[in-house]
């Protein structure tokens, strides 16, 4: 059975990420973001959303851990902040809203199977402004140029939106695709 650990960055939806994966039959556990990667037994890692970069704990350490990582909202921003070439900044749009996302890469392992334009629930208080070296932008919207990004060579993937909430139309498919990535490794 595939085992995924959700690293809790103090997000209000972390429990929903856990539940979505559990309901798919995944062996899943939530761990505090101060937990070192070496203490985590998992086939894949989800870096949860959260309120601010200063509360990301040891999330950066999971990026060089040779396991697939899915960053959700703050989790994706952690990748851009920690890795060379990436940049995070304030969004112009602000708080949570219904956002239609345009998928840019139909071959992307994480979001490529979604409809070319899919409705999501996202916060844009902060967002990735420039993707890190090795990453490709895989989705955008009219309010954010980087709604999703992927580096398949390192198995690092991120989405600005929250696939775990009911307002996101194809959220379960995002998690299914991530589980498939974890099972291939």
N, C-alpha and C. Protein backbone atom coordinates (compact mmCIF):
# COMPACT_ATOMS: atom_id res chain seq x y z
N UNK A 1 0.84 -1.18 0.00
CA UNK A 1 0.00 0.00 0.00
C UNK A 1 0.89 1.25 0.00
N UNK A 2 0.53 2.21 -0.81
CA UNK A 2 1.28 3.46 -0.89
C UNK A 2 1.11 4.24 0.41
N UNK A 3 2.23 4.77 0.90
CA UNK A 3 2.19 5.55 2.13
C UNK A 3 2.62 6.98 1.82
N UNK A 4 1.78 7.93 2.20
CA UNK A 4 2.07 9.35 2.00
C UNK A 4 1.96 10.07 3.33
N UNK A 5 2.90 10.96 3.57
CA UNK A 5 2.89 11.78 4.78
C UNK A 5 2.56 13.21 4.38
N UNK A 6 1.62 13.80 5.11
CA UNK A 6 1.27 15.20 4.93
C UNK A 6 2.03 15.99 6.00
N UNK A 7 2.90 16.88 5.56
CA UNK A 7 3.67 17.74 6.47
C UNK A 7 2.80 18.96 6.76
N UNK A 8 2.43 19.12 8.01
CA UNK A 8 1.47 20.14 8.43
C UNK A 8 2.16 21.50 8.60
N UNK A 9 1.85 22.41 7.69
CA UNK A 9 2.35 23.78 7.77
C UNK A 9 1.33 24.72 8.39
N UNK A 10 0.48 24.17 9.25
CA UNK A 10 -0.50 24.93 10.01
C UNK A 10 -1.62 25.48 9.14
N UNK A 11 -1.92 24.79 8.05
CA UNK A 11 -2.99 25.23 7.16
C UNK A 11 -4.35 24.81 7.68
N UNK A 12 -5.35 25.58 7.31
CA UNK A 12 -6.70 25.28 7.78
C UNK A 12 -7.32 24.08 7.08
N UNK A 13 -6.73 23.63 5.97
CA UNK A 13 -7.28 22.49 5.23
C UNK A 13 -6.42 21.23 5.32
N UNK A 14 -5.40 21.22 6.16
CA UNK A 14 -4.49 20.07 6.24
C UNK A 14 -5.25 18.78 6.51
N UNK A 15 -6.22 18.84 7.41
CA UNK A 15 -7.00 17.63 7.73
C UNK A 15 -7.79 17.13 6.51
N UNK A 16 -8.16 18.05 5.60
CA UNK A 16 -8.87 17.64 4.39
C UNK A 16 -7.94 16.95 3.39
N UNK A 17 -6.67 17.37 3.37
CA UNK A 17 -5.68 16.68 2.54
C UNK A 17 -5.53 15.24 3.02
N UNK A 18 -5.41 15.08 4.33
CA UNK A 18 -5.31 13.75 4.94
C UNK A 18 -6.53 12.92 4.58
N UNK A 19 -7.70 13.51 4.75
CA UNK A 19 -8.94 12.77 4.51
C UNK A 19 -9.08 12.37 3.04
N UNK A 20 -8.76 13.27 2.12
CA UNK A 20 -8.87 12.96 0.69
C UNK A 20 -8.00 11.75 0.33
N UNK A 21 -6.79 11.72 0.83
CA UNK A 21 -5.89 10.61 0.56
C UNK A 21 -6.36 9.33 1.25
N UNK A 22 -6.79 9.44 2.48
CA UNK A 22 -7.29 8.27 3.21
C UNK A 22 -8.50 7.67 2.50
N UNK A 23 -9.41 8.53 2.03
CA UNK A 23 -10.61 8.05 1.34
C UNK A 23 -10.28 7.35 0.02
N UNK A 24 -9.09 7.60 -0.51
CA UNK A 24 -8.64 6.93 -1.73
C UNK A 24 -7.95 5.59 -1.43
N UNK A 25 -7.85 5.24 -0.15
CA UNK A 25 -7.23 3.99 0.23
C UNK A 25 -5.73 4.08 0.47
N UNK A 26 -5.23 5.31 0.58
CA UNK A 26 -3.81 5.53 0.83
C UNK A 26 -3.53 5.45 2.33
N UNK A 27 -2.42 4.85 2.70
CA UNK A 27 -1.95 4.88 4.08
C UNK A 27 -1.34 6.27 4.28
N UNK A 28 -1.98 7.10 5.08
CA UNK A 28 -1.58 8.50 5.20
C UNK A 28 -1.50 8.92 6.66
N UNK A 29 -0.56 9.81 6.92
CA UNK A 29 -0.35 10.33 8.28
C UNK A 29 0.01 11.80 8.18
N UNK A 30 -0.42 12.58 9.15
CA UNK A 30 -0.02 13.99 9.26
C UNK A 30 1.13 14.06 10.27
N UNK A 31 2.20 14.79 9.89
CA UNK A 31 3.30 15.02 10.82
C UNK A 31 3.54 16.52 10.95
N UNK A 32 4.03 16.92 12.08
CA UNK A 32 4.38 18.32 12.33
C UNK A 32 5.52 18.73 11.41
N UNK A 33 5.53 19.98 10.97
CA UNK A 33 6.56 20.41 10.02
C UNK A 33 7.94 20.59 10.65
N UNK A 34 8.10 20.32 11.90
CA UNK A 34 9.43 20.30 12.53
C UNK A 34 10.04 18.90 12.49
N UNK A 35 9.29 17.93 11.96
CA UNK A 35 9.76 16.55 11.87
C UNK A 35 10.84 16.43 10.79
N UNK A 36 12.02 15.91 11.12
CA UNK A 36 13.07 15.73 10.10
C UNK A 36 12.65 14.66 9.09
N UNK A 37 13.00 14.81 7.82
CA UNK A 37 12.65 13.82 6.81
C UNK A 37 13.13 12.41 7.14
N UNK A 38 14.26 12.29 7.80
CA UNK A 38 14.80 10.98 8.14
C UNK A 38 13.93 10.19 9.11
N UNK A 39 13.02 10.88 9.80
CA UNK A 39 12.11 10.21 10.74
C UNK A 39 10.78 9.83 10.09
N UNK A 40 10.66 10.07 8.79
CA UNK A 40 9.39 9.85 8.09
C UNK A 40 9.53 8.67 7.14
N UNK A 41 8.66 7.68 7.32
CA UNK A 41 8.60 6.52 6.44
C UNK A 41 7.44 6.74 5.47
N UNK A 42 7.76 7.06 4.21
CA UNK A 42 6.70 7.35 3.24
C UNK A 42 7.23 7.18 1.83
N UNK A 43 6.28 6.90 0.91
CA UNK A 43 6.59 6.83 -0.51
C UNK A 43 6.50 8.21 -1.17
N UNK A 44 5.79 9.13 -0.52
CA UNK A 44 5.62 10.48 -1.04
C UNK A 44 5.28 11.44 0.07
N UNK A 45 5.50 12.72 -0.21
CA UNK A 45 5.31 13.78 0.78
C UNK A 45 4.37 14.84 0.21
N UNK A 46 3.42 15.28 1.02
CA UNK A 46 2.60 16.45 0.69
C UNK A 46 2.99 17.55 1.66
N UNK A 47 3.41 18.69 1.11
CA UNK A 47 3.66 19.87 1.94
C UNK A 47 2.37 20.67 1.93
N UNK A 48 1.72 20.77 3.07
CA UNK A 48 0.40 21.39 3.13
C UNK A 48 0.47 22.90 2.95
N UNK A 49 -0.69 23.46 2.80
CA UNK A 49 -0.81 24.91 2.82
C UNK A 49 -0.56 25.42 4.23
N UNK A 50 -0.55 26.72 4.36
CA UNK A 50 -0.34 27.31 5.67
C UNK A 50 -0.39 28.82 5.59
N UNK A 51 -0.34 29.47 6.74
CA UNK A 51 -0.56 30.92 6.77
C UNK A 51 0.62 31.77 6.32
N UNK A 52 1.85 31.31 6.56
CA UNK A 52 2.99 32.17 6.22
C UNK A 52 4.30 31.39 6.14
N UNK A 53 5.20 31.90 5.32
CA UNK A 53 6.49 31.25 5.07
C UNK A 53 7.28 31.06 6.36
N UNK A 54 7.19 31.98 7.29
CA UNK A 54 7.96 31.90 8.53
C UNK A 54 7.55 30.71 9.39
N UNK A 55 6.43 30.07 9.09
CA UNK A 55 5.95 28.94 9.88
C UNK A 55 6.10 27.61 9.14
N UNK A 56 7.03 27.55 8.17
CA UNK A 56 7.18 26.35 7.34
C UNK A 56 8.02 25.25 8.00
N UNK A 57 8.61 25.54 9.18
CA UNK A 57 9.39 24.53 9.88
C UNK A 57 10.52 23.98 9.02
N UNK A 58 10.59 22.65 8.93
CA UNK A 58 11.66 21.99 8.17
C UNK A 58 11.19 21.55 6.78
N UNK A 59 10.14 22.17 6.28
CA UNK A 59 9.58 21.77 4.99
C UNK A 59 10.62 21.78 3.88
N UNK A 60 11.53 22.75 3.89
CA UNK A 60 12.58 22.83 2.86
C UNK A 60 13.39 21.54 2.77
N UNK A 61 13.60 20.88 3.92
CA UNK A 61 14.44 19.69 3.98
C UNK A 61 13.88 18.52 3.16
N UNK A 62 12.57 18.52 2.93
CA UNK A 62 11.93 17.43 2.19
C UNK A 62 12.18 17.53 0.69
N UNK A 63 12.68 18.66 0.22
CA UNK A 63 12.86 18.88 -1.21
C UNK A 63 14.08 18.15 -1.77
N UNK A 64 15.02 17.78 -0.92
CA UNK A 64 16.22 17.06 -1.34
C UNK A 64 16.23 15.64 -0.80
N UNK A 65 15.05 15.07 -0.62
CA UNK A 65 14.90 13.81 0.09
C UNK A 65 14.69 12.61 -0.83
N UNK A 66 14.70 12.82 -2.16
CA UNK A 66 14.54 11.74 -3.14
C UNK A 66 13.21 11.00 -3.05
N UNK A 67 12.18 11.68 -2.57
CA UNK A 67 10.82 11.15 -2.61
C UNK A 67 9.96 12.17 -3.34
N UNK A 68 8.93 11.73 -4.07
CA UNK A 68 8.05 12.70 -4.70
C UNK A 68 7.42 13.64 -3.67
N UNK A 69 7.33 14.92 -4.05
CA UNK A 69 6.74 15.93 -3.17
C UNK A 69 5.67 16.69 -3.94
N UNK A 70 4.51 16.84 -3.31
CA UNK A 70 3.44 17.69 -3.81
C UNK A 70 3.29 18.86 -2.85
N UNK A 71 3.55 20.06 -3.33
CA UNK A 71 3.36 21.26 -2.52
C UNK A 71 2.02 21.89 -2.86
N UNK A 72 1.22 22.14 -1.84
CA UNK A 72 -0.09 22.76 -2.01
C UNK A 72 -0.05 24.16 -1.43
N UNK A 73 -0.35 25.16 -2.23
CA UNK A 73 -0.37 26.57 -1.84
C UNK A 73 0.96 26.96 -1.18
N UNK A 74 1.01 27.14 0.14
CA UNK A 74 2.28 27.47 0.79
C UNK A 74 3.33 26.41 0.49
N UNK A 75 2.92 25.15 0.39
CA UNK A 75 3.87 24.07 0.09
C UNK A 75 4.56 24.29 -1.25
N UNK A 76 3.83 24.79 -2.25
CA UNK A 76 4.44 25.12 -3.54
C UNK A 76 5.34 26.33 -3.39
N UNK A 77 4.91 27.30 -2.61
CA UNK A 77 5.71 28.50 -2.39
C UNK A 77 7.01 28.18 -1.67
N UNK A 78 6.98 27.19 -0.77
CA UNK A 78 8.20 26.73 -0.10
C UNK A 78 9.23 26.29 -1.14
N UNK A 79 8.77 25.55 -2.15
CA UNK A 79 9.68 25.09 -3.22
C UNK A 79 10.33 26.28 -3.92
N UNK A 80 9.52 27.25 -4.31
CA UNK A 80 10.05 28.41 -5.03
C UNK A 80 10.98 29.24 -4.16
N UNK A 81 10.69 29.31 -2.88
CA UNK A 81 11.50 30.08 -1.94
C UNK A 81 12.84 29.39 -1.68
N UNK A 82 12.81 28.05 -1.57
CA UNK A 82 14.00 27.31 -1.14
C UNK A 82 14.94 26.94 -2.28
N UNK A 83 14.42 26.82 -3.49
CA UNK A 83 15.23 26.32 -4.60
C UNK A 83 15.73 27.46 -5.48
N UNK A 84 16.92 27.28 -6.04
CA UNK A 84 17.55 28.30 -6.88
C UNK A 84 16.63 28.73 -8.03
N UNK A 85 16.58 30.03 -8.24
CA UNK A 85 15.84 30.59 -9.36
C UNK A 85 14.39 30.90 -9.08
N UNK A 86 13.85 30.37 -7.99
CA UNK A 86 12.45 30.61 -7.66
C UNK A 86 12.26 31.91 -6.89
N UNK A 87 11.05 32.45 -6.99
CA UNK A 87 10.73 33.67 -6.24
C UNK A 87 9.26 33.68 -5.89
N UNK A 88 8.98 34.09 -4.65
CA UNK A 88 7.62 34.21 -4.13
C UNK A 88 7.36 35.67 -3.82
N UNK A 89 6.16 36.13 -4.06
CA UNK A 89 5.79 37.50 -3.74
C UNK A 89 4.31 37.60 -3.45
N UNK A 90 3.89 38.78 -3.05
CA UNK A 90 2.48 39.02 -2.76
C UNK A 90 1.67 38.98 -4.05
N UNK A 91 0.50 38.39 -3.94
CA UNK A 91 -0.40 38.37 -5.07
C UNK A 91 -1.25 39.63 -5.10
N UNK A 92 -1.73 39.97 -6.26
CA UNK A 92 -2.58 41.14 -6.40
C UNK A 92 -4.03 40.83 -6.07
N UNK A 93 -4.38 39.54 -6.09
CA UNK A 93 -5.78 39.13 -5.97
C UNK A 93 -6.22 38.95 -4.53
N UNK A 94 -5.32 38.51 -3.64
CA UNK A 94 -5.66 38.40 -2.23
C UNK A 94 -6.20 37.06 -1.80
N UNK A 95 -7.29 37.08 -1.02
CA UNK A 95 -7.80 35.91 -0.32
C UNK A 95 -8.42 34.84 -1.19
N UNK A 96 -9.11 33.91 -0.53
CA UNK A 96 -9.68 32.75 -1.20
C UNK A 96 -10.77 33.15 -2.19
N UNK A 97 -10.75 32.47 -3.33
CA UNK A 97 -11.76 32.72 -4.36
C UNK A 97 -11.80 31.55 -5.33
N UNK A 98 -12.89 31.48 -6.06
CA UNK A 98 -13.08 30.52 -7.14
C UNK A 98 -12.26 31.02 -8.33
N UNK A 99 -11.29 30.22 -8.79
CA UNK A 99 -10.39 30.63 -9.86
C UNK A 99 -10.40 29.56 -10.96
N UNK A 100 -10.61 29.98 -12.18
CA UNK A 100 -10.50 29.05 -13.31
C UNK A 100 -9.05 29.00 -13.76
N UNK A 101 -8.51 27.79 -13.76
CA UNK A 101 -7.10 27.56 -14.07
C UNK A 101 -7.00 26.96 -15.47
N UNK A 102 -6.05 27.46 -16.25
CA UNK A 102 -5.78 26.93 -17.58
C UNK A 102 -4.58 26.00 -17.49
N UNK A 103 -4.77 24.75 -17.91
CA UNK A 103 -3.68 23.77 -17.91
C UNK A 103 -2.81 24.02 -19.13
N UNK A 104 -1.51 24.18 -18.92
CA UNK A 104 -0.57 24.52 -19.99
C UNK A 104 0.13 23.31 -20.60
N UNK A 105 0.17 22.19 -19.89
CA UNK A 105 0.92 21.02 -20.34
C UNK A 105 0.07 19.77 -20.18
N UNK A 106 -0.54 19.33 -21.26
CA UNK A 106 -1.41 18.15 -21.22
C UNK A 106 -0.65 16.87 -20.90
N UNK A 107 0.68 16.89 -20.98
CA UNK A 107 1.49 15.72 -20.68
C UNK A 107 2.02 15.71 -19.25
N UNK A 108 1.74 16.76 -18.49
CA UNK A 108 2.25 16.83 -17.12
C UNK A 108 1.64 15.72 -16.26
N UNK A 109 2.48 15.03 -15.50
CA UNK A 109 2.03 13.89 -14.70
C UNK A 109 1.04 14.29 -13.60
N UNK A 110 1.13 15.51 -13.10
CA UNK A 110 0.25 15.92 -12.00
C UNK A 110 -1.06 16.52 -12.50
N UNK A 111 -1.00 17.51 -13.40
CA UNK A 111 -2.22 18.24 -13.79
C UNK A 111 -2.61 18.06 -15.24
N UNK A 112 -1.80 17.37 -16.02
CA UNK A 112 -2.07 17.23 -17.45
C UNK A 112 -3.37 16.54 -17.79
N UNK A 113 -3.87 15.67 -16.93
CA UNK A 113 -5.11 14.94 -17.21
C UNK A 113 -6.37 15.75 -16.89
N UNK A 114 -6.21 16.93 -16.27
CA UNK A 114 -7.36 17.75 -15.93
C UNK A 114 -7.93 18.40 -17.19
N UNK A 115 -9.16 18.89 -17.10
CA UNK A 115 -9.75 19.62 -18.22
C UNK A 115 -8.86 20.83 -18.53
N UNK A 116 -8.82 21.25 -19.80
CA UNK A 116 -7.96 22.39 -20.17
C UNK A 116 -8.21 23.65 -19.34
N UNK A 117 -9.45 23.84 -18.90
CA UNK A 117 -9.73 24.90 -17.93
C UNK A 117 -10.59 24.28 -16.83
N UNK A 118 -10.10 24.38 -15.62
CA UNK A 118 -10.73 23.72 -14.49
C UNK A 118 -10.93 24.72 -13.35
N UNK A 119 -12.06 24.57 -12.66
CA UNK A 119 -12.37 25.47 -11.54
C UNK A 119 -11.68 24.99 -10.27
N UNK A 120 -11.08 25.94 -9.58
CA UNK A 120 -10.36 25.62 -8.35
C UNK A 120 -10.71 26.62 -7.27
N UNK A 121 -10.33 26.30 -6.05
CA UNK A 121 -10.45 27.18 -4.90
C UNK A 121 -9.03 27.51 -4.47
N UNK A 122 -8.69 28.79 -4.52
CA UNK A 122 -7.30 29.17 -4.26
C UNK A 122 -7.21 30.49 -3.52
N UNK A 123 -6.12 30.64 -2.79
CA UNK A 123 -5.75 31.91 -2.18
C UNK A 123 -4.54 32.45 -2.92
N UNK A 124 -4.55 33.74 -3.17
CA UNK A 124 -3.42 34.36 -3.85
C UNK A 124 -2.83 35.51 -3.04
N UNK A 125 -2.89 35.38 -1.70
CA UNK A 125 -2.25 36.39 -0.86
C UNK A 125 -0.75 36.42 -1.18
N UNK A 126 -0.17 35.25 -1.32
CA UNK A 126 1.21 35.08 -1.79
C UNK A 126 1.17 34.07 -2.92
N UNK A 127 2.14 34.17 -3.83
CA UNK A 127 2.17 33.26 -4.96
C UNK A 127 3.57 33.17 -5.52
N UNK A 128 3.81 32.12 -6.31
CA UNK A 128 5.09 31.96 -6.97
C UNK A 128 5.14 32.96 -8.13
N UNK A 129 6.18 33.78 -8.13
CA UNK A 129 6.37 34.77 -9.20
C UNK A 129 7.30 34.24 -10.29
N UNK A 130 8.30 33.45 -9.88
CA UNK A 130 9.23 32.82 -10.82
C UNK A 130 9.46 31.39 -10.37
N UNK A 131 9.35 30.44 -11.31
CA UNK A 131 9.57 29.03 -10.95
C UNK A 131 11.06 28.77 -10.76
N UNK A 132 11.40 27.85 -9.88
CA UNK A 132 12.81 27.51 -9.67
C UNK A 132 13.42 26.86 -10.91
N UNK A 133 14.73 26.84 -10.96
CA UNK A 133 15.46 26.18 -12.05
C UNK A 133 14.99 24.73 -12.17
N UNK A 134 14.77 24.28 -13.39
CA UNK A 134 14.34 22.91 -13.63
C UNK A 134 12.84 22.71 -13.65
N UNK A 135 12.09 23.71 -13.22
CA UNK A 135 10.63 23.61 -13.19
C UNK A 135 10.02 24.20 -14.45
N UNK A 136 8.84 23.70 -14.79
CA UNK A 136 8.04 24.28 -15.86
C UNK A 136 6.70 24.73 -15.27
N UNK A 137 6.20 25.84 -15.77
CA UNK A 137 4.84 26.26 -15.41
C UNK A 137 3.88 25.29 -16.10
N UNK A 138 2.96 24.73 -15.35
CA UNK A 138 2.03 23.75 -15.94
C UNK A 138 0.59 24.23 -15.90
N UNK A 139 0.32 25.34 -15.22
CA UNK A 139 -1.02 25.93 -15.20
C UNK A 139 -0.90 27.40 -14.84
N UNK A 140 -1.87 28.18 -15.35
CA UNK A 140 -1.93 29.62 -15.06
C UNK A 140 -3.39 30.03 -14.98
N UNK A 141 -3.62 31.25 -14.54
CA UNK A 141 -4.98 31.81 -14.54
C UNK A 141 -4.88 33.29 -14.87
N UNK A 142 -6.01 33.93 -14.95
CA UNK A 142 -5.98 35.36 -15.24
C UNK A 142 -5.54 36.19 -14.03
N UNK A 143 -5.41 35.55 -12.85
CA UNK A 143 -4.94 36.27 -11.66
C UNK A 143 -3.54 35.86 -11.21
N UNK A 144 -3.01 34.77 -11.80
CA UNK A 144 -1.71 34.27 -11.36
C UNK A 144 -1.02 33.53 -12.51
N UNK A 145 0.21 33.90 -12.78
CA UNK A 145 0.96 33.28 -13.86
C UNK A 145 1.47 31.88 -13.55
N UNK A 146 1.54 31.51 -12.26
CA UNK A 146 2.03 30.18 -11.88
C UNK A 146 1.01 29.53 -10.94
N UNK A 147 0.03 28.89 -11.52
CA UNK A 147 -0.98 28.17 -10.73
C UNK A 147 -0.51 26.75 -10.42
N UNK A 148 0.40 26.22 -11.24
CA UNK A 148 0.99 24.90 -10.99
C UNK A 148 2.36 24.87 -11.65
N UNK A 149 3.24 24.02 -11.08
CA UNK A 149 4.58 23.87 -11.64
C UNK A 149 5.06 22.46 -11.36
N UNK A 150 5.97 21.99 -12.22
CA UNK A 150 6.48 20.62 -12.08
C UNK A 150 7.95 20.54 -12.45
N UNK A 151 8.65 19.70 -11.73
CA UNK A 151 10.01 19.29 -12.08
C UNK A 151 10.03 17.76 -12.01
N UNK A 152 9.64 17.09 -13.11
CA UNK A 152 9.55 15.63 -13.07
C UNK A 152 10.89 14.93 -12.86
N UNK A 153 12.00 15.58 -13.19
CA UNK A 153 13.32 14.97 -12.95
C UNK A 153 13.56 14.75 -11.46
N UNK A 154 13.10 15.69 -10.65
CA UNK A 154 13.26 15.59 -9.19
C UNK A 154 11.98 15.15 -8.49
N UNK A 155 10.91 14.88 -9.27
CA UNK A 155 9.61 14.51 -8.71
C UNK A 155 9.09 15.56 -7.72
N UNK A 156 9.20 16.83 -8.10
CA UNK A 156 8.68 17.94 -7.30
C UNK A 156 7.55 18.60 -8.07
N UNK A 157 6.40 18.73 -7.43
CA UNK A 157 5.20 19.25 -8.07
C UNK A 157 4.50 20.21 -7.13
N UNK A 158 3.86 21.22 -7.68
CA UNK A 158 3.14 22.17 -6.83
C UNK A 158 1.91 22.72 -7.51
N UNK A 159 0.90 23.02 -6.69
CA UNK A 159 -0.30 23.70 -7.14
C UNK A 159 -0.60 24.85 -6.18
N UNK A 160 -1.03 25.97 -6.72
CA UNK A 160 -1.40 27.11 -5.90
C UNK A 160 -2.76 26.87 -5.25
N UNK A 161 -3.61 26.11 -5.93
CA UNK A 161 -4.97 25.90 -5.43
C UNK A 161 -5.03 24.75 -4.44
N UNK A 162 -6.21 24.55 -3.87
CA UNK A 162 -6.43 23.52 -2.85
C UNK A 162 -7.25 22.37 -3.45
N UNK A 163 -6.58 21.28 -3.85
CA UNK A 163 -7.31 20.15 -4.43
C UNK A 163 -8.17 19.41 -3.42
N UNK A 164 -7.94 19.66 -2.14
CA UNK A 164 -8.63 18.91 -1.09
C UNK A 164 -10.02 19.46 -0.74
N UNK A 165 -10.38 20.63 -1.25
CA UNK A 165 -11.67 21.23 -0.88
C UNK A 165 -12.73 20.94 -1.94
N UNK A 166 -13.98 20.93 -1.52
CA UNK A 166 -15.09 20.58 -2.41
C UNK A 166 -15.24 21.58 -3.55
N UNK A 167 -14.83 22.83 -3.36
CA UNK A 167 -14.98 23.85 -4.41
C UNK A 167 -14.08 23.58 -5.62
N UNK A 168 -13.04 22.78 -5.47
CA UNK A 168 -12.14 22.45 -6.58
C UNK A 168 -12.72 21.27 -7.32
N UNK A 169 -13.00 21.46 -8.62
CA UNK A 169 -13.71 20.44 -9.40
C UNK A 169 -12.95 19.13 -9.56
N UNK A 170 -11.68 19.17 -9.85
CA UNK A 170 -10.95 17.94 -10.14
C UNK A 170 -9.84 17.67 -9.12
N UNK A 171 -10.11 18.03 -7.88
CA UNK A 171 -9.12 17.87 -6.83
C UNK A 171 -8.72 16.44 -6.58
N UNK A 172 -9.69 15.54 -6.58
CA UNK A 172 -9.37 14.13 -6.33
C UNK A 172 -8.43 13.60 -7.40
N UNK A 173 -8.60 14.07 -8.64
CA UNK A 173 -7.73 13.60 -9.73
C UNK A 173 -6.29 14.06 -9.51
N UNK A 174 -6.11 15.25 -8.95
CA UNK A 174 -4.75 15.72 -8.63
C UNK A 174 -4.09 14.75 -7.64
N UNK A 175 -4.84 14.38 -6.60
CA UNK A 175 -4.29 13.44 -5.62
C UNK A 175 -4.06 12.05 -6.25
N UNK A 176 -4.98 11.59 -7.09
CA UNK A 176 -4.79 10.30 -7.77
C UNK A 176 -3.52 10.32 -8.61
N UNK A 177 -3.31 11.43 -9.31
CA UNK A 177 -2.11 11.54 -10.15
C UNK A 177 -0.85 11.54 -9.29
N UNK A 178 -0.90 12.21 -8.13
CA UNK A 178 0.27 12.22 -7.26
C UNK A 178 0.54 10.82 -6.70
N UNK A 179 -0.50 10.12 -6.32
CA UNK A 179 -0.31 8.74 -5.82
C UNK A 179 0.32 7.89 -6.92
N UNK A 180 -0.11 8.04 -8.16
CA UNK A 180 0.48 7.29 -9.27
C UNK A 180 1.96 7.62 -9.43
N UNK A 181 2.32 8.89 -9.27
CA UNK A 181 3.74 9.29 -9.32
C UNK A 181 4.52 8.58 -8.22
N UNK A 182 3.95 8.54 -7.03
CA UNK A 182 4.62 7.87 -5.89
C UNK A 182 4.78 6.37 -6.12
N UNK A 183 3.81 5.77 -6.77
CA UNK A 183 3.85 4.32 -7.01
C UNK A 183 4.86 3.96 -8.10
N UNK A 184 5.20 4.91 -8.96
CA UNK A 184 6.19 4.65 -10.01
C UNK A 184 7.61 4.66 -9.48
N UNK A 185 7.83 5.35 -8.39
CA UNK A 185 9.20 5.47 -7.85
C UNK A 185 9.63 4.24 -7.10
